[in-house]
Amino acid sequence: IRERNHVLILGWNSKVLSILKFFADMKIQNAVVILTPIESDDVLAEISQERRALKGMRILPQRGSPTVEADLERVGIQDSASIVDLSKRINTCSG
């Protein structure tokens, strides 16, 4: 991804479309990159059902894992303006 100051969403669940609609209502001009292990075509199919509400937004779904450093670098985490973390992480701490 060759984006700067983009919004990065880590993960995909039922909350993402509401978040995208909120960004659309706020007239967010930044591109929105979504990093998810789900196929990009499946994500785009769900997004396209809401295309009227998301009109004008640049949404770039990318397949990958929010827990893999190389995938995070590939979607420009270091250059993102903000990050929304919806990924499920396994807590490996015991106690």
PDB file of N, CA and C in Angstrom:
ATOM      1  N   ILE A   1       0.857  -1.176   0.000  1.00  0.00           N
ATOM      2  CA  ILE A   1       0.000   0.000   0.000  1.00  0.00           C
ATOM      3  C   ILE A   1       0.897   1.231   0.000  1.00  0.00           C
ATOM      4  N   ARG A   2       0.606   2.132  -0.859  1.00  0.00           N
ATOM      5  CA  ARG A   2       1.371   3.383  -0.912  1.00  0.00           C
ATOM      6  C   ARG A   2       0.489   4.523  -0.437  1.00  0.00           C
ATOM      7  N   GLU A   3       0.063   4.400   0.768  1.00  0.00           N
ATOM      8  CA  GLU A   3      -0.807   5.417   1.370  1.00  0.00           C
ATOM      9  C   GLU A   3      -0.075   6.067   2.529  1.00  0.00           C
ATOM     10  N   ARG A   4      -0.442   7.277   2.803  1.00  0.00           N
ATOM     11  CA  ARG A   4       0.046   8.001   3.981  1.00  0.00           C
ATOM     12  C   ARG A   4      -1.173   8.648   4.621  1.00  0.00           C
ATOM     13  N   ASN A   5      -1.142   8.742   5.933  1.00  0.00           N
ATOM     14  CA  ASN A   5      -2.237   9.366   6.683  1.00  0.00           C
ATOM     15  C   ASN A   5      -3.568   8.680   6.430  1.00  0.00           C
ATOM     16  N   HIS A   6      -3.534   7.390   6.223  1.00  0.00           N
ATOM     17  CA  HIS A   6      -4.749   6.624   6.008  1.00  0.00           C
ATOM     18  C   HIS A   6      -5.275   6.081   7.333  1.00  0.00           C
ATOM     19  N   VAL A   7      -6.516   5.676   7.314  1.00  0.00           N
ATOM     20  CA  VAL A   7      -7.113   5.000   8.460  1.00  0.00           C
ATOM     21  C   VAL A   7      -6.883   3.513   8.231  1.00  0.00           C
ATOM     22  N   LEU A   8      -6.373   2.843   9.232  1.00  0.00           N
ATOM     23  CA  LEU A   8      -6.114   1.416   9.131  1.00  0.00           C
ATOM     24  C   LEU A   8      -7.048   0.673  10.073  1.00  0.00           C
ATOM     25  N   ILE A   9      -7.854  -0.215   9.511  1.00  0.00           N
ATOM     26  CA  ILE A   9      -8.739  -1.053  10.315  1.00  0.00           C
ATOM     27  C   ILE A   9      -8.150  -2.454  10.333  1.00  0.00           C
ATOM     28  N   LEU A  10      -7.892  -2.953  11.527  1.00  0.00           N
ATOM     29  CA  LEU A  10      -7.337  -4.290  11.695  1.00  0.00           C
ATOM     30  C   LEU A  10      -8.459  -5.240  12.061  1.00  0.00           C
ATOM     31  N   GLY A  11      -8.755  -6.166  11.174  1.00  0.00           N
ATOM     32  CA  GLY A  11      -9.809  -7.137  11.426  1.00  0.00           C
ATOM     33  C   GLY A  11     -11.080  -6.792  10.677  1.00  0.00           C
ATOM     34  N   TRP A  12     -12.008  -7.725  10.691  1.00  0.00           N
ATOM     35  CA  TRP A  12     -13.299  -7.552  10.020  1.00  0.00           C
ATOM     36  C   TRP A  12     -14.351  -8.245  10.856  1.00  0.00           C
ATOM     37  N   ASN A  13     -15.381  -7.501  11.228  1.00  0.00           N
ATOM     38  CA  ASN A  13     -16.528  -8.089  11.923  1.00  0.00           C
ATOM     39  C   ASN A  13     -17.750  -7.218  11.648  1.00  0.00           C
ATOM     40  N   SER A  14     -18.814  -7.475  12.355  1.00  0.00           N
ATOM     41  CA  SER A  14     -20.075  -6.775  12.103  1.00  0.00           C
ATOM     42  C   SER A  14     -19.999  -5.270  12.400  1.00  0.00           C
ATOM     43  N   LYS A  15     -18.987  -4.828  13.097  1.00  0.00           N
ATOM     44  CA  LYS A  15     -18.864  -3.407  13.441  1.00  0.00           C
ATOM     45  C   LYS A  15     -18.261  -2.563  12.317  1.00  0.00           C
ATOM     46  N   VAL A  16     -17.565  -3.196  11.382  1.00  0.00           N
ATOM     47  CA  VAL A  16     -16.810  -2.439  10.388  1.00  0.00           C
ATOM     48  C   VAL A  16     -17.710  -1.563   9.528  1.00  0.00           C
ATOM     49  N   LEU A  17     -18.814  -2.091   9.057  1.00  0.00           N
ATOM     50  CA  LEU A  17     -19.690  -1.280   8.203  1.00  0.00           C
ATOM     51  C   LEU A  17     -20.227  -0.062   8.949  1.00  0.00           C
ATOM     52  N   SER A  18     -20.556  -0.207  10.214  1.00  0.00           N
ATOM     53  CA  SER A  18     -21.008   0.941  11.009  1.00  0.00           C
ATOM     54  C   SER A  18     -19.897   1.969  11.157  1.00  0.00           C
ATOM     55  N   ILE A  19     -18.693   1.497  11.354  1.00  0.00           N
ATOM     56  CA  ILE A  19     -17.544   2.407  11.471  1.00  0.00           C
ATOM     57  C   ILE A  19     -17.319   3.140  10.155  1.00  0.00           C
ATOM     58  N   LEU A  20     -17.398   2.411   9.050  1.00  0.00           N
ATOM     59  CA  LEU A  20     -17.229   3.046   7.738  1.00  0.00           C
ATOM     60  C   LEU A  20     -18.321   4.077   7.475  1.00  0.00           C
ATOM     61  N   LYS A  21     -19.550   3.774   7.858  1.00  0.00           N
ATOM     62  CA  LYS A  21     -20.652   4.741   7.690  1.00  0.00           C
ATOM     63  C   LYS A  21     -20.400   5.985   8.535  1.00  0.00           C
ATOM     64  N   PHE A  22     -19.884   5.794   9.741  1.00  0.00           N
ATOM     65  CA  PHE A  22     -19.548   6.929  10.600  1.00  0.00           C
ATOM     66  C   PHE A  22     -18.494   7.806   9.920  1.00  0.00           C
ATOM     67  N   PHE A  23     -17.439   7.171   9.389  1.00  0.00           N
ATOM     68  CA  PHE A  23     -16.402   7.927   8.681  1.00  0.00           C
ATOM     69  C   PHE A  23     -16.994   8.670   7.480  1.00  0.00           C
ATOM     70  N   ALA A  24     -17.904   8.023   6.764  1.00  0.00           N
ATOM     71  CA  ALA A  24     -18.537   8.657   5.601  1.00  0.00           C
ATOM     72  C   ALA A  24     -19.357   9.866   6.042  1.00  0.00           C
ATOM     73  N   ASP A  25     -20.107   9.723   7.139  1.00  0.00           N
ATOM     74  CA  ASP A  25     -20.899  10.841   7.660  1.00  0.00           C
ATOM     75  C   ASP A  25     -20.010  12.005   8.092  1.00  0.00           C
ATOM     76  N   MET A  26     -18.821  11.676   8.590  1.00  0.00           N
ATOM     77  CA  MET A  26     -17.874  12.706   9.039  1.00  0.00           C
ATOM     78  C   MET A  26     -17.062  13.277   7.871  1.00  0.00           C
ATOM     79  N   LYS A  27     -17.327  12.766   6.664  1.00  0.00           N
ATOM     80  CA  LYS A  27     -16.635  13.215   5.447  1.00  0.00           C
ATOM     81  C   LYS A  27     -15.115  13.034   5.548  1.00  0.00           C
ATOM     82  N   ILE A  28     -14.698  11.908   6.115  1.00  0.00           N
ATOM     83  CA  ILE A  28     -13.282  11.586   6.218  1.00  0.00           C
ATOM     84  C   ILE A  28     -12.708  11.465   4.803  1.00  0.00           C
ATOM     85  N   GLN A  29     -11.660  12.199   4.522  1.00  0.00           N
ATOM     86  CA  GLN A  29     -11.054  12.202   3.197  1.00  0.00           C
ATOM     87  C   GLN A  29      -9.947  11.157   3.055  1.00  0.00           C
ATOM     88  N   ASN A  30      -9.452  10.655   4.166  1.00  0.00           N
ATOM     89  CA  ASN A  30      -8.365   9.681   4.133  1.00  0.00           C
ATOM     90  C   ASN A  30      -8.843   8.360   3.550  1.00  0.00           C
ATOM     91  N   ALA A  31      -7.940   7.670   2.868  1.00  0.00           N
ATOM     92  CA  ALA A  31      -8.237   6.307   2.423  1.00  0.00           C
ATOM     93  C   ALA A  31      -8.390   5.434   3.659  1.00  0.00           C
ATOM     94  N   VAL A  32      -9.191   4.390   3.539  1.00  0.00           N
ATOM     95  CA  VAL A  32      -9.379   3.428   4.625  1.00  0.00           C
ATOM     96  C   VAL A  32      -8.858   2.081   4.140  1.00  0.00           C
ATOM     97  N   VAL A  33      -7.842   1.569   4.830  1.00  0.00           N
ATOM     98  CA  VAL A  33      -7.259   0.273   4.511  1.00  0.00           C
ATOM     99  C   VAL A  33      -7.746  -0.712   5.563  1.00  0.00           C
ATOM    100  N   ILE A  34      -8.252  -1.854   5.105  1.00  0.00           N
ATOM    101  CA  ILE A  34      -8.752  -2.883   6.012  1.00  0.00           C
ATOM    102  C   ILE A  34      -7.865  -4.105   5.858  1.00  0.00           C
ATOM    103  N   LEU A  35      -7.201  -4.501   6.938  1.00  0.00           N
ATOM    104  CA  LEU A  35      -6.369  -5.703   6.940  1.00  0.00           C
ATOM    105  C   LEU A  35      -7.132  -6.817   7.635  1.00  0.00           C
ATOM    106  N   THR A  36      -7.426  -7.872   6.886  1.00  0.00           N
ATOM    107  CA  THR A  36      -8.232  -8.960   7.418  1.00  0.00           C
ATOM    108  C   THR A  36      -7.822 -10.282   6.782  1.00  0.00           C
ATOM    109  N   PRO A  37      -7.953 -11.373   7.522  1.00  0.00           N
ATOM    110  CA  PRO A  37      -7.666 -12.679   6.922  1.00  0.00           C
ATOM    111  C   PRO A  37      -8.757 -13.144   5.953  1.00  0.00           C
ATOM    112  N   ILE A  38      -9.863 -12.424   5.888  1.00  0.00           N
ATOM    113  CA  ILE A  38     -10.966 -12.767   4.993  1.00  0.00           C
ATOM    114  C   ILE A  38     -10.604 -12.342   3.567  1.00  0.00           C
ATOM    115  N   GLU A  39     -11.046 -13.113   2.584  1.00  0.00           N
ATOM    116  CA  GLU A  39     -10.789 -12.792   1.179  1.00  0.00           C
ATOM    117  C   GLU A  39     -11.258 -11.369   0.855  1.00  0.00           C
ATOM    118  N   SER A  40     -10.445 -10.622   0.134  1.00  0.00           N
ATOM    119  CA  SER A  40     -10.775  -9.240  -0.228  1.00  0.00           C
ATOM    120  C   SER A  40     -12.070  -9.159  -1.030  1.00  0.00           C
ATOM    121  N   ASP A  41     -12.319 -10.147  -1.900  1.00  0.00           N
ATOM    122  CA  ASP A  41     -13.552 -10.146  -2.693  1.00  0.00           C
ATOM    123  C   ASP A  41     -14.789 -10.245  -1.812  1.00  0.00           C
ATOM    124  N   ASP A  42     -14.706 -11.021  -0.737  1.00  0.00           N
ATOM    125  CA  ASP A  42     -15.834 -11.146   0.191  1.00  0.00           C
ATOM    126  C   ASP A  42     -16.079  -9.827   0.928  1.00  0.00           C
ATOM    127  N   VAL A  43     -14.993  -9.168   1.325  1.00  0.00           N
ATOM    128  CA  VAL A  43     -15.109  -7.871   1.994  1.00  0.00           C
ATOM    129  C   VAL A  43     -15.713  -6.849   1.035  1.00  0.00           C
ATOM    130  N   LEU A  44     -15.224  -6.825  -0.196  1.00  0.00           N
ATOM    131  CA  LEU A  44     -15.754  -5.882  -1.183  1.00  0.00           C
ATOM    132  C   LEU A  44     -17.229  -6.142  -1.471  1.00  0.00           C
ATOM    133  N   ALA A  45     -17.652  -7.400  -1.460  1.00  0.00           N
ATOM    134  CA  ALA A  45     -19.060  -7.725  -1.695  1.00  0.00           C
ATOM    135  C   ALA A  45     -19.932  -7.136  -0.593  1.00  0.00           C
ATOM    136  N   GLU A  46     -19.489  -7.238   0.658  1.00  0.00           N
ATOM    137  CA  GLU A  46     -20.267  -6.655   1.766  1.00  0.00           C
ATOM    138  C   GLU A  46     -20.271  -5.138   1.691  1.00  0.00           C
ATOM    139  N   ILE A  47     -19.130  -4.559   1.355  1.00  0.00           N
ATOM    140  CA  ILE A  47     -19.034  -3.100   1.245  1.00  0.00           C
ATOM    141  C   ILE A  47     -19.928  -2.592   0.120  1.00  0.00           C
ATOM    142  N   SER A  48     -19.979  -3.321  -0.987  1.00  0.00           N
ATOM    143  CA  SER A  48     -20.758  -2.866  -2.136  1.00  0.00           C
ATOM    144  C   SER A  48     -22.254  -2.800  -1.824  1.00  0.00           C
ATOM    145  N   GLN A  49     -22.710  -3.593  -0.867  1.00  0.00           N
ATOM    146  CA  GLN A  49     -24.116  -3.537  -0.459  1.00  0.00           C
ATOM    147  C   GLN A  49     -24.447  -2.205   0.217  1.00  0.00           C
ATOM    148  N   GLU A  50     -23.434  -1.523   0.700  1.00  0.00           N
ATOM    149  CA  GLU A  50     -23.609  -0.234   1.385  1.00  0.00           C
ATOM    150  C   GLU A  50     -23.017   0.913   0.576  1.00  0.00           C
ATOM    151  N   ARG A  51     -22.841   0.713  -0.734  1.00  0.00           N
ATOM    152  CA  ARG A  51     -22.131   1.705  -1.546  1.00  0.00           C
ATOM    153  C   ARG A  51     -22.748   3.092  -1.514  1.00  0.00           C
ATOM    154  N   ARG A  52     -24.061   3.176  -1.369  1.00  0.00           N
ATOM    155  CA  ARG A  52     -24.680   4.518  -1.309  1.00  0.00           C
ATOM    156  C   ARG A  52     -24.251   5.260  -0.041  1.00  0.00           C
ATOM    157  N   ALA A  53     -24.238   4.559   1.072  1.00  0.00           N
ATOM    158  CA  ALA A  53     -23.855   5.190   2.338  1.00  0.00           C
ATOM    159  C   ALA A  53     -22.361   5.499   2.376  1.00  0.00           C
ATOM    160  N   LEU A  54     -21.574   4.785   1.590  1.00  0.00           N
ATOM    161  CA  LEU A  54     -20.122   4.947   1.621  1.00  0.00           C
ATOM    162  C   LEU A  54     -19.595   5.678   0.387  1.00  0.00           C
ATOM    163  N   LYS A  55     -20.487   6.341  -0.312  1.00  0.00           N
ATOM    164  CA  LYS A  55     -20.127   7.033  -1.552  1.00  0.00           C
ATOM    165  C   LYS A  55     -18.982   8.018  -1.313  1.00  0.00           C
ATOM    166  N   GLY A  56     -18.020   7.964  -2.207  1.00  0.00           N
ATOM    167  CA  GLY A  56     -16.895   8.888  -2.127  1.00  0.00           C
ATOM    168  C   GLY A  56     -15.735   8.405  -1.283  1.00  0.00           C
ATOM    169  N   MET A  57     -15.913   7.316  -0.577  1.00  0.00           N
ATOM    170  CA  MET A  57     -14.828   6.803   0.262  1.00  0.00           C
ATOM    171  C   MET A  57     -13.913   5.899  -0.555  1.00  0.00           C
ATOM    172  N   ARG A  58     -12.646   5.947  -0.241  1.00  0.00           N
ATOM    173  CA  ARG A  58     -11.668   5.052  -0.855  1.00  0.00           C
ATOM    174  C   ARG A  58     -11.342   3.958   0.153  1.00  0.00           C
ATOM    175  N   ILE A  59     -11.879   2.779  -0.072  1.00  0.00           N
ATOM    176  CA  ILE A  59     -11.729   1.656   0.858  1.00  0.00           C
ATOM    177  C   ILE A  59     -10.895   0.587   0.171  1.00  0.00           C
ATOM    178  N   LEU A  60      -9.813   0.199   0.841  1.00  0.00           N
ATOM    179  CA  LEU A  60      -8.856  -0.731   0.254  1.00  0.00           C
ATOM    180  C   LEU A  60      -8.695  -1.963   1.146  1.00  0.00           C
ATOM    181  N   PRO A  61      -9.483  -3.007   0.932  1.00  0.00           N
ATOM    182  CA  PRO A  61      -9.312  -4.213   1.740  1.00  0.00           C
ATOM    183  C   PRO A  61      -8.066  -4.983   1.306  1.00  0.00           C
ATOM    184  N   GLN A  62      -7.344  -5.473   2.278  1.00  0.00           N
ATOM    185  CA  GLN A  62      -6.130  -6.236   2.030  1.00  0.00           C
ATOM    186  C   GLN A  62      -6.180  -7.519   2.843  1.00  0.00           C
ATOM    187  N   ARG A  63      -5.812  -8.610   2.214  1.00  0.00           N
ATOM    188  CA  ARG A  63      -5.814  -9.879   2.928  1.00  0.00           C
ATOM    189  C   ARG A  63      -4.499 -10.039   3.672  1.00  0.00           C
ATOM    190  N   GLY A  64      -4.609 -10.390   4.941  1.00  0.00           N
ATOM    191  CA  GLY A  64      -3.433 -10.598   5.767  1.00  0.00           C
ATOM    192  C   GLY A  64      -3.836 -10.685   7.218  1.00  0.00           C
ATOM    193  N   SER A  65      -2.850 -10.888   8.055  1.00  0.00           N
ATOM    194  CA  SER A  65      -3.106 -11.048   9.482  1.00  0.00           C
ATOM    195  C   SER A  65      -2.669  -9.821  10.274  1.00  0.00           C
ATOM    196  N   PRO A  66      -3.553  -9.301  11.115  1.00  0.00           N
ATOM    197  CA  PRO A  66      -3.188  -8.167  11.967  1.00  0.00           C
ATOM    198  C   PRO A  66      -2.157  -8.521  13.037  1.00  0.00           C
ATOM    199  N   THR A  67      -1.771  -9.794  13.127  1.00  0.00           N
ATOM    200  CA  THR A  67      -0.772 -10.207  14.117  1.00  0.00           C
ATOM    201  C   THR A  67       0.580 -10.521  13.476  1.00  0.00           C
ATOM    202  N   VAL A  68       0.691 -10.342  12.166  1.00  0.00           N
ATOM    203  CA  VAL A  68       1.942 -10.618  11.460  1.00  0.00           C
ATOM    204  C   VAL A  68       2.605  -9.294  11.091  1.00  0.00           C
ATOM    205  N   GLU A  69       3.809  -9.098  11.594  1.00  0.00           N
ATOM    206  CA  GLU A  69       4.510  -7.831  11.404  1.00  0.00           C
ATOM    207  C   GLU A  69       4.682  -7.471   9.927  1.00  0.00           C
ATOM    208  N   ALA A  70       5.003  -8.436   9.087  1.00  0.00           N
ATOM    209  CA  ALA A  70       5.192  -8.159   7.659  1.00  0.00           C
ATOM    210  C   ALA A  70       3.902  -7.655   7.016  1.00  0.00           C
ATOM    211  N   ASP A  71       2.751  -8.210   7.421  1.00  0.00           N
ATOM    212  CA  ASP A  71       1.465  -7.744   6.888  1.00  0.00           C
ATOM    213  C   ASP A  71       1.164  -6.329   7.354  1.00  0.00           C
ATOM    214  N   LEU A  72       1.481  -6.027   8.603  1.00  0.00           N
ATOM    215  CA  LEU A  72       1.266  -4.676   9.126  1.00  0.00           C
ATOM    216  C   LEU A  72       2.145  -3.659   8.390  1.00  0.00           C
ATOM    217  N   GLU A  73       3.368  -4.035   8.107  1.00  0.00           N
ATOM    218  CA  GLU A  73       4.257  -3.151   7.352  1.00  0.00           C
ATOM    219  C   GLU A  73       3.743  -2.967   5.929  1.00  0.00           C
ATOM    220  N   ARG A  74       3.217  -4.038   5.332  1.00  0.00           N
ATOM    221  CA  ARG A  74       2.720  -3.991   3.953  1.00  0.00           C
ATOM    222  C   ARG A  74       1.559  -3.012   3.803  1.00  0.00           C
ATOM    223  N   VAL A  75       0.731  -2.866   4.851  1.00  0.00           N
ATOM    224  CA  VAL A  75      -0.403  -1.942   4.773  1.00  0.00           C
ATOM    225  C   VAL A  75      -0.068  -0.568   5.354  1.00  0.00           C
ATOM    226  N   GLY A  76       1.205  -0.348   5.600  1.00  0.00           N
ATOM    227  CA  GLY A  76       1.656   0.985   5.997  1.00  0.00           C
ATOM    228  C   GLY A  76       1.257   1.408   7.395  1.00  0.00           C
ATOM    229  N   ILE A  77       1.332   0.494   8.351  1.00  0.00           N
ATOM    230  CA  ILE A  77       0.942   0.860   9.719  1.00  0.00           C
ATOM    231  C   ILE A  77       1.754   2.047  10.220  1.00  0.00           C
ATOM    232  N   GLN A  78       3.018   2.123   9.833  1.00  0.00           N
ATOM    233  CA  GLN A  78       3.886   3.198  10.305  1.00  0.00           C
ATOM    234  C   GLN A  78       3.495   4.553   9.720  1.00  0.00           C
ATOM    235  N   ASP A  79       2.776   4.571   8.603  1.00  0.00           N
ATOM    236  CA  ASP A  79       2.379   5.814   7.954  1.00  0.00           C
ATOM    237  C   ASP A  79       0.908   6.144   8.133  1.00  0.00           C
ATOM    238  N   SER A  80       0.191   5.341   8.927  1.00  0.00           N
ATOM    239  CA  SER A  80      -1.250   5.561   9.088  1.00  0.00           C
ATOM    240  C   SER A  80      -1.516   6.721  10.045  1.00  0.00           C
ATOM    241  N   ALA A  81      -2.617   7.408   9.806  1.00  0.00           N
ATOM    242  CA  ALA A  81      -3.026   8.514  10.671  1.00  0.00           C
ATOM    243  C   ALA A  81      -3.718   7.986  11.919  1.00  0.00           C
ATOM    244  N   SER A  82      -4.452   6.891  11.758  1.00  0.00           N
ATOM    245  CA  SER A  82      -5.150   6.297  12.899  1.00  0.00           C
ATOM    246  C   SER A  82      -5.380   4.817  12.641  1.00  0.00           C
ATOM    247  N   ILE A  83      -5.571   4.088  13.734  1.00  0.00           N
ATOM    248  CA  ILE A  83      -5.740   2.642  13.669  1.00  0.00           C
ATOM    249  C   ILE A  83      -6.963   2.255  14.489  1.00  0.00           C
ATOM    250  N   VAL A  84      -7.822   1.439  13.885  1.00  0.00           N
ATOM    251  CA  VAL A  84      -8.976   0.868  14.577  1.00  0.00           C
ATOM    252  C   VAL A  84      -8.692  -0.623  14.672  1.00  0.00           C
ATOM    253  N   ASP A  85      -8.510  -1.130  15.886  1.00  0.00           N
ATOM    254  CA  ASP A  85      -8.135  -2.528  16.070  1.00  0.00           C
ATOM    255  C   ASP A  85      -9.359  -3.346  16.462  1.00  0.00           C
ATOM    256  N   LEU A  86      -9.859  -4.130  15.522  1.00  0.00           N
ATOM    257  CA  LEU A  86     -10.993  -5.018  15.765  1.00  0.00           C
ATOM    258  C   LEU A  86     -10.562  -6.478  15.706  1.00  0.00           C
ATOM    259  N   SER A  87      -9.260  -6.692  15.655  1.00  0.00           N
ATOM    260  CA  SER A  87      -8.764  -8.056  15.535  1.00  0.00           C
ATOM    261  C   SER A  87      -8.894  -8.784  16.867  1.00  0.00           C
ATOM    262  N   LYS A  88      -9.056 -10.067  16.751  1.00  0.00           N
ATOM    263  CA  LYS A  88      -9.120 -10.917  17.937  1.00  0.00           C
ATOM    264  C   LYS A  88      -7.715 -11.393  18.219  1.00  0.00           C
ATOM    265  N   ARG A  89      -7.260 -11.130  19.388  1.00  0.00           N
ATOM    266  CA  ARG A  89      -5.913 -11.553  19.763  1.00  0.00           C
ATOM    267  C   ARG A  89      -6.025 -12.574  20.892  1.00  0.00           C
ATOM    268  N   ILE A  90      -5.174 -13.537  20.846  1.00  0.00           N
ATOM    269  CA  ILE A  90      -5.173 -14.567  21.878  1.00  0.00           C
ATOM    270  C   ILE A  90      -4.270 -14.110  23.006  1.00  0.00           C
ATOM    271  N   ASN A  91      -4.796 -14.112  24.195  1.00  0.00           N
ATOM    272  CA  ASN A  91      -4.021 -13.748  25.373  1.00  0.00           C
ATOM    273  C   ASN A  91      -3.220 -14.966  25.796  1.00  0.00           C
ATOM    274  N   THR A  92      -1.899 -14.855  25.699  1.00  0.00           N
ATOM    275  CA  THR A  92      -1.050 -15.991  26.041  1.00  0.00           C
ATOM    276  C   THR A  92      -0.564 -15.920  27.477  1.00  0.00           C
ATOM    277  N   CYS A  93      -0.950 -14.916  28.211  1.00  0.00           N
ATOM    278  CA  CYS A  93      -0.558 -14.809  29.607  1.00  0.00           C
ATOM    279  C   CYS A  93      -1.421 -15.706  30.463  1.00  0.00           C
ATOM    280  N   SER A  94      -0.819 -16.329  31.415  1.00  0.00           N
ATOM    281  CA  SER A  94      -1.607 -17.126  32.355  1.00  0.00           C
ATOM    282  C   SER A  94      -1.378 -16.563  33.736  1.00  0.00           C
ATOM    283  N   GLY A  95      -2.358 -16.709  34.559  1.00  0.00           N
ATOM    284  CA  GLY A  95      -2.137 -16.135  35.883  1.00  0.00           C
ATOM    285  C   GLY A  95      -3.236 -16.307  36.803  1.00  0.00           C
TER     286      GLY A  95
END
